[in-house]
PDB file of N, CA and C in Angstrom:
ATOM      1  N   MET A   1      33.435  -6.539  23.549  1.00  0.00           N
ATOM      2  CA  MET A   1      32.657  -7.738  23.729  1.00  0.00           C
ATOM      3  C   MET A   1      33.218  -8.827  22.825  1.00  0.00           C
ATOM      4  N   LYS A   2      33.456  -9.980  23.382  1.00  0.00           N
ATOM      5  CA  LYS A   2      33.995 -11.093  22.620  1.00  0.00           C
ATOM      6  C   LYS A   2      32.846 -11.952  22.114  1.00  0.00           C
ATOM      7  N   ILE A   3      32.889 -12.239  20.820  1.00  0.00           N
ATOM      8  CA  ILE A   3      31.874 -13.095  20.204  1.00  0.00           C
ATOM      9  C   ILE A   3      32.347 -14.541  20.340  1.00  0.00           C
ATOM     10  N   THR A   4      31.571 -15.342  21.054  1.00  0.00           N
ATOM     11  CA  THR A   4      31.933 -16.739  21.295  1.00  0.00           C
ATOM     12  C   THR A   4      31.003 -17.665  20.527  1.00  0.00           C
ATOM     13  N   ASP A   5      31.380 -18.946  20.498  1.00  0.00           N
ATOM     14  CA  ASP A   5      30.522 -19.952  19.862  1.00  0.00           C
ATOM     15  C   ASP A   5      29.170 -20.025  20.564  1.00  0.00           C
ATOM     16  N   GLU A   6      29.185 -19.872  21.883  1.00  0.00           N
ATOM     17  CA  GLU A   6      27.934 -19.932  22.641  1.00  0.00           C
ATOM     18  C   GLU A   6      27.006 -18.775  22.252  1.00  0.00           C
ATOM     19  N   LEU A   7      27.573 -17.593  22.049  1.00  0.00           N
ATOM     20  CA  LEU A   7      26.764 -16.447  21.657  1.00  0.00           C
ATOM     21  C   LEU A   7      26.190 -16.650  20.260  1.00  0.00           C
ATOM     22  N   VAL A   8      26.997 -17.178  19.343  1.00  0.00           N
ATOM     23  CA  VAL A   8      26.515 -17.449  17.993  1.00  0.00           C
ATOM     24  C   VAL A   8      25.400 -18.506  18.032  1.00  0.00           C
ATOM     25  N   ASP A   9      25.572 -19.538  18.865  1.00  0.00           N
ATOM     26  CA  ASP A   9      24.528 -20.562  19.027  1.00  0.00           C
ATOM     27  C   ASP A   9      23.245 -19.940  19.568  1.00  0.00           C
ATOM     28  N   TYR A  10      23.394 -19.054  20.562  1.00  0.00           N
ATOM     29  CA  TYR A  10      22.235 -18.396  21.155  1.00  0.00           C
ATOM     30  C   TYR A  10      21.510 -17.519  20.129  1.00  0.00           C
ATOM     31  N   LEU A  11      22.286 -16.752  19.354  1.00  0.00           N
ATOM     32  CA  LEU A  11      21.683 -15.911  18.317  1.00  0.00           C
ATOM     33  C   LEU A  11      21.000 -16.758  17.251  1.00  0.00           C
ATOM     34  N   GLY A  12      21.603 -17.880  16.899  1.00  0.00           N
ATOM     35  CA  GLY A  12      20.986 -18.793  15.945  1.00  0.00           C
ATOM     36  C   GLY A  12      19.688 -19.356  16.471  1.00  0.00           C
ATOM     37  N   GLU A  13      19.671 -19.672  17.762  1.00  0.00           N
ATOM     38  CA  GLU A  13      18.447 -20.190  18.384  1.00  0.00           C
ATOM     39  C   GLU A  13      17.359 -19.126  18.410  1.00  0.00           C
ATOM     40  N   LEU A  14      17.717 -17.890  18.744  1.00  0.00           N
ATOM     41  CA  LEU A  14      16.738 -16.799  18.775  1.00  0.00           C
ATOM     42  C   LEU A  14      16.159 -16.527  17.395  1.00  0.00           C
ATOM     43  N   SER A  15      17.018 -16.602  16.378  1.00  0.00           N
ATOM     44  CA  SER A  15      16.566 -16.299  15.022  1.00  0.00           C
ATOM     45  C   SER A  15      16.059 -17.538  14.290  1.00  0.00           C
ATOM     46  N   ARG A  16      16.095 -18.672  14.987  1.00  0.00           N
ATOM     47  CA  ARG A  16      15.615 -19.944  14.424  1.00  0.00           C
ATOM     48  C   ARG A  16      16.363 -20.304  13.136  1.00  0.00           C
ATOM     49  N   LEU A  17      17.681 -20.127  13.190  1.00  0.00           N
ATOM     50  CA  LEU A  17      18.539 -20.483  12.076  1.00  0.00           C
ATOM     51  C   LEU A  17      19.431 -21.648  12.478  1.00  0.00           C
ATOM     52  N   GLU A  18      19.641 -22.553  11.559  1.00  0.00           N
ATOM     53  CA  GLU A  18      20.593 -23.639  11.794  1.00  0.00           C
ATOM     54  C   GLU A  18      21.945 -23.174  11.270  1.00  0.00           C
ATOM     55  N   ILE A  19      22.890 -23.022  12.178  1.00  0.00           N
ATOM     56  CA  ILE A  19      24.208 -22.506  11.819  1.00  0.00           C
ATOM     57  C   ILE A  19      25.210 -23.649  11.913  1.00  0.00           C
ATOM     58  N   SER A  20      25.864 -23.944  10.790  1.00  0.00           N
ATOM     59  CA  SER A  20      26.851 -25.022  10.771  1.00  0.00           C
ATOM     60  C   SER A  20      28.149 -24.543  11.426  1.00  0.00           C
ATOM     61  N   GLU A  21      29.011 -25.497  11.705  1.00  0.00           N
ATOM     62  CA  GLU A  21      30.296 -25.160  12.324  1.00  0.00           C
ATOM     63  C   GLU A  21      31.143 -24.277  11.402  1.00  0.00           C
ATOM     64  N   GLU A  22      31.044 -24.504  10.081  1.00  0.00           N
ATOM     65  CA  GLU A  22      31.803 -23.693   9.131  1.00  0.00           C
ATOM     66  C   GLU A  22      31.302 -22.247   9.117  1.00  0.00           C
ATOM     67  N   GLU A  23      29.999 -22.083   9.279  1.00  0.00           N
ATOM     68  CA  GLU A  23      29.417 -20.737   9.248  1.00  0.00           C
ATOM     69  C   GLU A  23      29.712 -19.957  10.525  1.00  0.00           C
ATOM     70  N   LYS A  24      29.926 -20.662  11.627  1.00  0.00           N
ATOM     71  CA  LYS A  24      30.171 -19.987  12.912  1.00  0.00           C
ATOM     72  C   LYS A  24      31.392 -19.082  12.859  1.00  0.00           C
ATOM     73  N   ASP A  25      32.478 -19.580  12.252  1.00  0.00           N
ATOM     74  CA  ASP A  25      33.700 -18.763  12.195  1.00  0.00           C
ATOM     75  C   ASP A  25      33.466 -17.478  11.409  1.00  0.00           C
ATOM     76  N   GLY A  26      32.769 -17.585  10.281  1.00  0.00           N
ATOM     77  CA  GLY A  26      32.467 -16.392   9.486  1.00  0.00           C
ATOM     78  C   GLY A  26      31.569 -15.433  10.227  1.00  0.00           C
ATOM     79  N   LEU A  27      30.567 -15.977  10.922  1.00  0.00           N
ATOM     80  CA  LEU A  27      29.657 -15.118  11.693  1.00  0.00           C
ATOM     81  C   LEU A  27      30.378 -14.426  12.841  1.00  0.00           C
ATOM     82  N   LYS A  28      31.272 -15.152  13.502  1.00  0.00           N
ATOM     83  CA  LYS A  28      32.017 -14.533  14.598  1.00  0.00           C
ATOM     84  C   LYS A  28      32.851 -13.365  14.085  1.00  0.00           C
ATOM     85  N   LYS A  29      33.500 -13.550  12.931  1.00  0.00           N
ATOM     86  CA  LYS A  29      34.298 -12.472  12.353  1.00  0.00           C
ATOM     87  C   LYS A  29      33.416 -11.297  11.950  1.00  0.00           C
ATOM     88  N   ASP A  30      32.291 -11.576  11.282  1.00  0.00           N
ATOM     89  CA  ASP A  30      31.388 -10.507  10.842  1.00  0.00           C
ATOM     90  C   ASP A  30      30.818  -9.732  12.019  1.00  0.00           C
ATOM     91  N   LEU A  31      30.380 -10.444  13.054  1.00  0.00           N
ATOM     92  CA  LEU A  31      29.817  -9.762  14.233  1.00  0.00           C
ATOM     93  C   LEU A  31      30.880  -8.940  14.951  1.00  0.00           C
ATOM     94  N   THR A  32      32.102  -9.455  15.011  1.00  0.00           N
ATOM     95  CA  THR A  32      33.196  -8.699  15.635  1.00  0.00           C
ATOM     96  C   THR A  32      33.481  -7.432  14.834  1.00  0.00           C
ATOM     97  N   ASP A  33      33.492  -7.542  13.520  1.00  0.00           N
ATOM     98  CA  ASP A  33      33.713  -6.359  12.666  1.00  0.00           C
ATOM     99  C   ASP A  33      32.622  -5.316  12.879  1.00  0.00           C
ATOM    100  N   ILE A  34      31.372  -5.760  12.979  1.00  0.00           N
ATOM    101  CA  ILE A  34      30.255  -4.832  13.194  1.00  0.00           C
ATOM    102  C   ILE A  34      30.412  -4.124  14.530  1.00  0.00           C
ATOM    103  N   LEU A  35      30.726  -4.883  15.585  1.00  0.00           N
ATOM    104  CA  LEU A  35      30.879  -4.268  16.906  1.00  0.00           C
ATOM    105  C   LEU A  35      32.073  -3.319  16.950  1.00  0.00           C
ATOM    106  N   ASP A  36      33.157  -3.669  16.269  1.00  0.00           N
ATOM    107  CA  ASP A  36      34.320  -2.777  16.215  1.00  0.00           C
ATOM    108  C   ASP A  36      33.973  -1.471  15.506  1.00  0.00           C
ATOM    109  N   TYR A  37      33.216  -1.571  14.425  1.00  0.00           N
ATOM    110  CA  TYR A  37      32.810  -0.368  13.701  1.00  0.00           C
ATOM    111  C   TYR A  37      31.883   0.496  14.563  1.00  0.00           C
ATOM    112  N   MET A  38      30.956  -0.132  15.278  1.00  0.00           N
ATOM    113  CA  MET A  38      30.062   0.627  16.158  1.00  0.00           C
ATOM    114  C   MET A  38      30.864   1.317  17.263  1.00  0.00           C
ATOM    115  N   ASP A  39      31.921   0.659  17.725  1.00  0.00           N
ATOM    116  CA  ASP A  39      32.777   1.264  18.734  1.00  0.00           C
ATOM    117  C   ASP A  39      33.483   2.498  18.172  1.00  0.00           C
ATOM    118  N   GLN A  40      33.931   2.414  16.914  1.00  0.00           N
ATOM    119  CA  GLN A  40      34.549   3.576  16.269  1.00  0.00           C
ATOM    120  C   GLN A  40      33.549   4.725  16.170  1.00  0.00           C
ATOM    121  N   LEU A  41      32.311   4.415  15.799  1.00  0.00           N
ATOM    122  CA  LEU A  41      31.299   5.464  15.675  1.00  0.00           C
ATOM    123  C   LEU A  41      30.980   6.103  17.018  1.00  0.00           C
ATOM    124  N   SER A  42      30.976   5.306  18.077  1.00  0.00           N
ATOM    125  CA  SER A  42      30.651   5.863  19.390  1.00  0.00           C
ATOM    126  C   SER A  42      31.749   6.787  19.907  1.00  0.00           C
ATOM    127  N   GLN A  43      32.942   6.718  19.345  1.00  0.00           N
ATOM    128  CA  GLN A  43      34.041   7.584  19.777  1.00  0.00           C
ATOM    129  C   GLN A  43      34.020   8.948  19.091  1.00  0.00           C
ATOM    130  N   LEU A  44      33.177   9.116  18.082  1.00  0.00           N
ATOM    131  CA  LEU A  44      33.109  10.400  17.383  1.00  0.00           C
ATOM    132  C   LEU A  44      32.470  11.464  18.258  1.00  0.00           C
ATOM    133  N   ASP A  45      32.968  12.690  18.146  1.00  0.00           N
ATOM    134  CA  ASP A  45      32.411  13.818  18.878  1.00  0.00           C
ATOM    135  C   ASP A  45      31.260  14.411  18.052  1.00  0.00           C
ATOM    136  N   THR A  46      30.057  14.275  18.544  1.00  0.00           N
ATOM    137  CA  THR A  46      28.881  14.766  17.815  1.00  0.00           C
ATOM    138  C   THR A  46      28.227  15.951  18.514  1.00  0.00           C
ATOM    139  N   LYS A  47      28.895  16.522  19.495  1.00  0.00           N
ATOM    140  CA  LYS A  47      28.321  17.676  20.190  1.00  0.00           C
ATOM    141  C   LYS A  47      28.204  18.851  19.234  1.00  0.00           C
ATOM    142  N   GLY A  48      27.057  19.482  19.229  1.00  0.00           N
ATOM    143  CA  GLY A  48      26.833  20.634  18.377  1.00  0.00           C
ATOM    144  C   GLY A  48      26.447  20.280  16.948  1.00  0.00           C
ATOM    145  N   LYS A  49      26.360  19.014  16.638  1.00  0.00           N
ATOM    146  CA  LYS A  49      25.970  18.585  15.293  1.00  0.00           C
ATOM    147  C   LYS A  49      24.460  18.337  15.271  1.00  0.00           C
ATOM    148  N   PRO A  50      23.780  18.858  14.254  1.00  0.00           N
ATOM    149  CA  PRO A  50      22.326  18.640  14.201  1.00  0.00           C
ATOM    150  C   PRO A  50      22.005  17.190  13.843  1.00  0.00           C
ATOM    151  N   GLU A  51      20.869  16.727  14.362  1.00  0.00           N
ATOM    152  CA  GLU A  51      20.419  15.374  14.031  1.00  0.00           C
ATOM    153  C   GLU A  51      19.895  15.360  12.602  1.00  0.00           C
ATOM    154  N   LEU A  52      20.115  14.261  11.916  1.00  0.00           N
ATOM    155  CA  LEU A  52      19.663  14.127  10.537  1.00  0.00           C
ATOM    156  C   LEU A  52      18.588  13.049  10.454  1.00  0.00           C
ATOM    157  N   SER A  53      17.540  13.350   9.706  1.00  0.00           N
ATOM    158  CA  SER A  53      16.578  12.300   9.411  1.00  0.00           C
ATOM    159  C   SER A  53      16.874  11.708   8.047  1.00  0.00           C
ATOM    160  N   HIS A  54      17.636  12.463   7.239  1.00  0.00           N
ATOM    161  CA  HIS A  54      18.022  12.005   5.911  1.00  0.00           C
ATOM    162  C   HIS A  54      19.286  12.749   5.521  1.00  0.00           C
ATOM    163  N   PRO A  55      20.233  12.083   4.873  1.00  0.00           N
ATOM    164  CA  PRO A  55      21.498  12.744   4.573  1.00  0.00           C
ATOM    165  C   PRO A  55      21.432  13.774   3.447  1.00  0.00           C
ATOM    166  N   PHE A  56      20.342  13.815   2.690  1.00  0.00           N
ATOM    167  CA  PHE A  56      20.252  14.734   1.562  1.00  0.00           C
ATOM    168  C   PHE A  56      19.190  15.798   1.830  1.00  0.00           C
ATOM    169  N   GLU A  57      19.365  16.953   1.235  1.00  0.00           N
ATOM    170  CA  GLU A  57      18.452  18.074   1.429  1.00  0.00           C
ATOM    171  C   GLU A  57      17.179  17.933   0.600  1.00  0.00           C
ATOM    172  N   ASN A  58      17.218  17.159  -0.469  1.00  0.00           N
ATOM    173  CA  ASN A  58      16.080  17.059  -1.389  1.00  0.00           C
ATOM    174  C   ASN A  58      14.857  16.475  -0.696  1.00  0.00           C
ATOM    175  N   ARG A  59      13.727  17.069  -0.999  1.00  0.00           N
ATOM    176  CA  ARG A  59      12.464  16.555  -0.452  1.00  0.00           C
ATOM    177  C   ARG A  59      11.428  16.544  -1.568  1.00  0.00           C
ATOM    178  N   ASN A  60      10.608  15.509  -1.578  1.00  0.00           N
ATOM    179  CA  ASN A  60       9.502  15.379  -2.533  1.00  0.00           C
ATOM    180  C   ASN A  60       9.955  15.617  -3.973  1.00  0.00           C
ATOM    181  N   CYS A  61      10.938  14.866  -4.388  1.00  0.00           N
ATOM    182  CA  CYS A  61      11.469  14.997  -5.748  1.00  0.00           C
ATOM    183  C   CYS A  61      10.747  14.030  -6.679  1.00  0.00           C
ATOM    184  N   PHE A  62       9.459  14.203  -6.775  1.00  0.00           N
ATOM    185  CA  PHE A  62       8.669  13.327  -7.627  1.00  0.00           C
ATOM    186  C   PHE A  62       8.359  14.034  -8.937  1.00  0.00           C
ATOM    187  N   ARG A  63       8.251  13.254  -9.988  1.00  0.00           N
ATOM    188  CA  ARG A  63       7.907  13.833 -11.284  1.00  0.00           C
ATOM    189  C   ARG A  63       6.401  14.059 -11.342  1.00  0.00           C
ATOM    190  N   GLU A  64       5.998  14.930 -12.222  1.00  0.00           N
ATOM    191  CA  GLU A  64       4.582  15.165 -12.442  1.00  0.00           C
ATOM    192  C   GLU A  64       3.973  13.958 -13.148  1.00  0.00           C
ATOM    193  N   ASP A  65       2.755  13.587 -12.799  1.00  0.00           N
ATOM    194  CA  ASP A  65       2.070  12.512 -13.490  1.00  0.00           C
ATOM    195  C   ASP A  65       1.574  13.019 -14.835  1.00  0.00           C
ATOM    196  N   VAL A  66       1.998  12.343 -15.880  1.00  0.00           N
ATOM    197  CA  VAL A  66       1.612  12.723 -17.231  1.00  0.00           C
ATOM    198  C   VAL A  66       1.050  11.495 -17.925  1.00  0.00           C
ATOM    199  N   VAL A  67      -0.125  11.624 -18.510  1.00  0.00           N
ATOM    200  CA  VAL A  67      -0.724  10.514 -19.240  1.00  0.00           C
ATOM    201  C   VAL A  67       0.038  10.338 -20.539  1.00  0.00           C
ATOM    202  N   THR A  68       0.538   9.117 -20.760  1.00  0.00           N
ATOM    203  CA  THR A  68       1.333   8.891 -21.963  1.00  0.00           C
ATOM    204  C   THR A  68       0.651   7.966 -22.963  1.00  0.00           C
ATOM    205  N   ASN A  69      -0.255   7.103 -22.477  1.00  0.00           N
ATOM    206  CA  ASN A  69      -0.845   6.145 -23.398  1.00  0.00           C
ATOM    207  C   ASN A  69      -2.266   6.518 -23.834  1.00  0.00           C
ATOM    208  N   GLY A  70      -2.841   7.495 -23.244  1.00  0.00           N
ATOM    209  CA  GLY A  70      -4.169   7.954 -23.662  1.00  0.00           C
ATOM    210  C   GLY A  70      -5.251   6.916 -23.434  1.00  0.00           C
ATOM    211  N   ASP A  71      -6.323   7.026 -24.217  1.00  0.00           N
ATOM    212  CA  ASP A  71      -7.468   6.137 -24.065  1.00  0.00           C
ATOM    213  C   ASP A  71      -7.384   5.042 -25.125  1.00  0.00           C
ATOM    214  N   ASP A  72      -6.794   3.911 -24.752  1.00  0.00           N
ATOM    215  CA  ASP A  72      -6.667   2.782 -25.667  1.00  0.00           C
ATOM    216  C   ASP A  72      -7.696   1.702 -25.355  1.00  0.00           C
ATOM    217  N   ARG A  73      -8.864   2.111 -24.929  1.00  0.00           N
ATOM    218  CA  ARG A  73      -9.899   1.175 -24.517  1.00  0.00           C
ATOM    219  C   ARG A  73     -10.224   0.166 -25.615  1.00  0.00           C
ATOM    220  N   GLN A  74     -10.383   0.620 -26.829  1.00  0.00           N
ATOM    221  CA  GLN A  74     -10.741  -0.285 -27.922  1.00  0.00           C
ATOM    222  C   GLN A  74      -9.604  -1.261 -28.230  1.00  0.00           C
ATOM    223  N   ALA A  75      -8.366  -0.806 -28.139  1.00  0.00           N
ATOM    224  CA  ALA A  75      -7.229  -1.697 -28.374  1.00  0.00           C
ATOM    225  C   ALA A  75      -7.165  -2.782 -27.306  1.00  0.00           C
ATOM    226  N   VAL A  76      -7.443  -2.411 -26.066  1.00  0.00           N
ATOM    227  CA  VAL A  76      -7.433  -3.391 -24.974  1.00  0.00           C
ATOM    228  C   VAL A  76      -8.586  -4.366 -25.146  1.00  0.00           C
ATOM    229  N   LEU A  77      -9.778  -3.856 -25.448  1.00  0.00           N
ATOM    230  CA  LEU A  77     -10.942  -4.731 -25.620  1.00  0.00           C
ATOM    231  C   LEU A  77     -10.786  -5.658 -26.828  1.00  0.00           C
ATOM    232  N   SER A  78     -10.032  -5.258 -27.819  1.00  0.00           N
ATOM    233  CA  SER A  78      -9.851  -6.115 -28.990  1.00  0.00           C
ATOM    234  C   SER A  78      -9.062  -7.376 -28.647  1.00  0.00           C
ATOM    235  N   ASN A  79      -8.309  -7.373 -27.551  1.00  0.00           N
ATOM    236  CA  ASN A  79      -7.552  -8.548 -27.114  1.00  0.00           C
ATOM    237  C   ASN A  79      -8.390  -9.500 -26.268  1.00  0.00           C
ATOM    238  N   ALA A  80      -9.556  -9.065 -25.816  1.00  0.00           N
ATOM    239  CA  ALA A  80     -10.399  -9.895 -24.956  1.00  0.00           C
ATOM    240  C   ALA A  80     -11.136 -10.930 -25.793  1.00  0.00           C
ATOM    241  N   PRO A  81     -11.355 -12.132 -25.238  1.00  0.00           N
ATOM    242  CA  PRO A  81     -12.109 -13.140 -25.974  1.00  0.00           C
ATOM    243  C   PRO A  81     -13.559 -12.711 -26.208  1.00  0.00           C
ATOM    244  N   ALA A  82     -14.121 -11.941 -25.274  1.00  0.00           N
ATOM    245  CA  ALA A  82     -15.499 -11.458 -25.443  1.00  0.00           C
ATOM    246  C   ALA A  82     -15.652 -10.143 -24.695  1.00  0.00           C
ATOM    247  N   HIS A  83     -16.432  -9.235 -25.261  1.00  0.00           N
ATOM    248  CA  HIS A  83     -16.726  -7.987 -24.562  1.00  0.00           C
ATOM    249  C   HIS A  83     -18.125  -7.530 -24.955  1.00  0.00           C
ATOM    250  N   LYS A  84     -18.683  -6.729 -24.075  1.00  0.00           N
ATOM    251  CA  LYS A  84     -20.017  -6.179 -24.315  1.00  0.00           C
ATOM    252  C   LYS A  84     -19.905  -4.687 -24.077  1.00  0.00           C
ATOM    253  N   GLY A  85     -20.023  -3.930 -25.113  1.00  0.00           N
ATOM    254  CA  GLY A  85     -19.844  -2.479 -24.998  1.00  0.00           C
ATOM    255  C   GLY A  85     -18.403  -2.172 -24.631  1.00  0.00           C
ATOM    256  N   ASP A  86     -18.212  -1.418 -23.551  1.00  0.00           N
ATOM    257  CA  ASP A  86     -16.872  -1.039 -23.099  1.00  0.00           C
ATOM    258  C   ASP A  86     -16.375  -1.920 -21.956  1.00  0.00           C
ATOM    259  N   TYR A  87     -16.959  -3.115 -21.768  1.00  0.00           N
ATOM    260  CA  TYR A  87     -16.608  -3.962 -20.627  1.00  0.00           C
ATOM    261  C   TYR A  87     -16.213  -5.358 -21.093  1.00  0.00           C
ATOM    262  N   PHE A  88     -15.366  -6.026 -20.297  1.00  0.00           N
ATOM    263  CA  PHE A  88     -15.032  -7.411 -20.556  1.00  0.00           C
ATOM    264  C   PHE A  88     -16.236  -8.269 -20.207  1.00  0.00           C
ATOM    265  N   LYS A  89     -16.494  -9.285 -20.994  1.00  0.00           N
ATOM    266  CA  LYS A  89     -17.587 -10.209 -20.736  1.00  0.00           C
ATOM    267  C   LYS A  89     -16.976 -11.486 -20.145  1.00  0.00           C
ATOM    268  N   VAL A  90     -17.403 -11.845 -18.930  1.00  0.00           N
ATOM    269  CA  VAL A  90     -16.858 -13.014 -18.237  1.00  0.00           C
ATOM    270  C   VAL A  90     -17.995 -13.892 -17.749  1.00  0.00           C
ATOM    271  N   HIS A  91     -17.661 -15.127 -17.371  1.00  0.00           N
ATOM    272  CA  HIS A  91     -18.653 -16.048 -16.837  1.00  0.00           C
ATOM    273  C   HIS A  91     -19.075 -15.606 -15.443  1.00  0.00           C
ATOM    274  N   LYS A  92     -20.318 -15.894 -15.116  1.00  0.00           N
ATOM    275  CA  LYS A  92     -20.836 -15.587 -13.784  1.00  0.00           C
ATOM    276  C   LYS A  92     -20.105 -16.463 -12.767  1.00  0.00           C
ATOM    277  N   THR A  93     -19.653 -15.856 -11.678  1.00  0.00           N
ATOM    278  CA  THR A  93     -18.916 -16.622 -10.667  1.00  0.00           C
ATOM    279  C   THR A  93     -19.564 -16.566  -9.304  1.00  0.00           C
ATOM    280  N   VAL A  94     -20.491 -15.685  -9.066  1.00  0.00           N
ATOM    281  CA  VAL A  94     -21.135 -15.544  -7.747  1.00  0.00           C
ATOM    282  C   VAL A  94     -22.522 -16.172  -7.824  1.00  0.00           C
ATOM    283  N   GLY A  95     -22.848 -16.978  -6.826  1.00  0.00           N
ATOM    284  CA  GLY A  95     -24.184 -17.565  -6.732  1.00  0.00           C
ATOM    285  C   GLY A  95     -24.404 -18.741  -7.662  1.00  0.00           C
ATOM    286  N   GLU A  96     -23.360 -19.250  -8.261  1.00  0.00           N
ATOM    287  CA  GLU A  96     -23.498 -20.366  -9.170  1.00  0.00           C
ATOM    288  C   GLU A  96     -23.175 -21.661  -8.418  1.00  0.00           C
ATOM    289  N   GLU A  97     -24.032 -22.667  -8.546  1.00  0.00           N
ATOM    290  CA  GLU A  97     -23.778 -23.952  -7.890  1.00  0.00           C
ATOM    291  C   GLU A  97     -22.957 -24.833  -8.814  1.00  0.00           C
ATOM    292  N   VAL A  98     -22.068 -25.577  -8.210  1.00  0.00           N
ATOM    293  CA  VAL A  98     -21.202 -26.460  -9.004  1.00  0.00           C
ATOM    294  C   VAL A  98     -21.706 -27.871  -8.970  1.00  0.00           C
TER     295      VAL A  98
END
């Protein structure tokens, strides 16, 4: 498939991008390279090869959740301008008329 200026204009219109004349040449080369690579991939013999959903065998490689900072409630509350007991004290915001 040959990438033409008209095709680049059409793709720009579909994607709602303004493509300058200088950018067209680069896009034509990039799109041609992509299509050439896809053509190379389509020539590979994949008969008898299993389908992959992921290239690596590892699954669910998550670390265990470990509490590292503990209960720093008082340290956090000490930074607040006002608090009442274990809670931040803030101005009423619901039902207030301005």
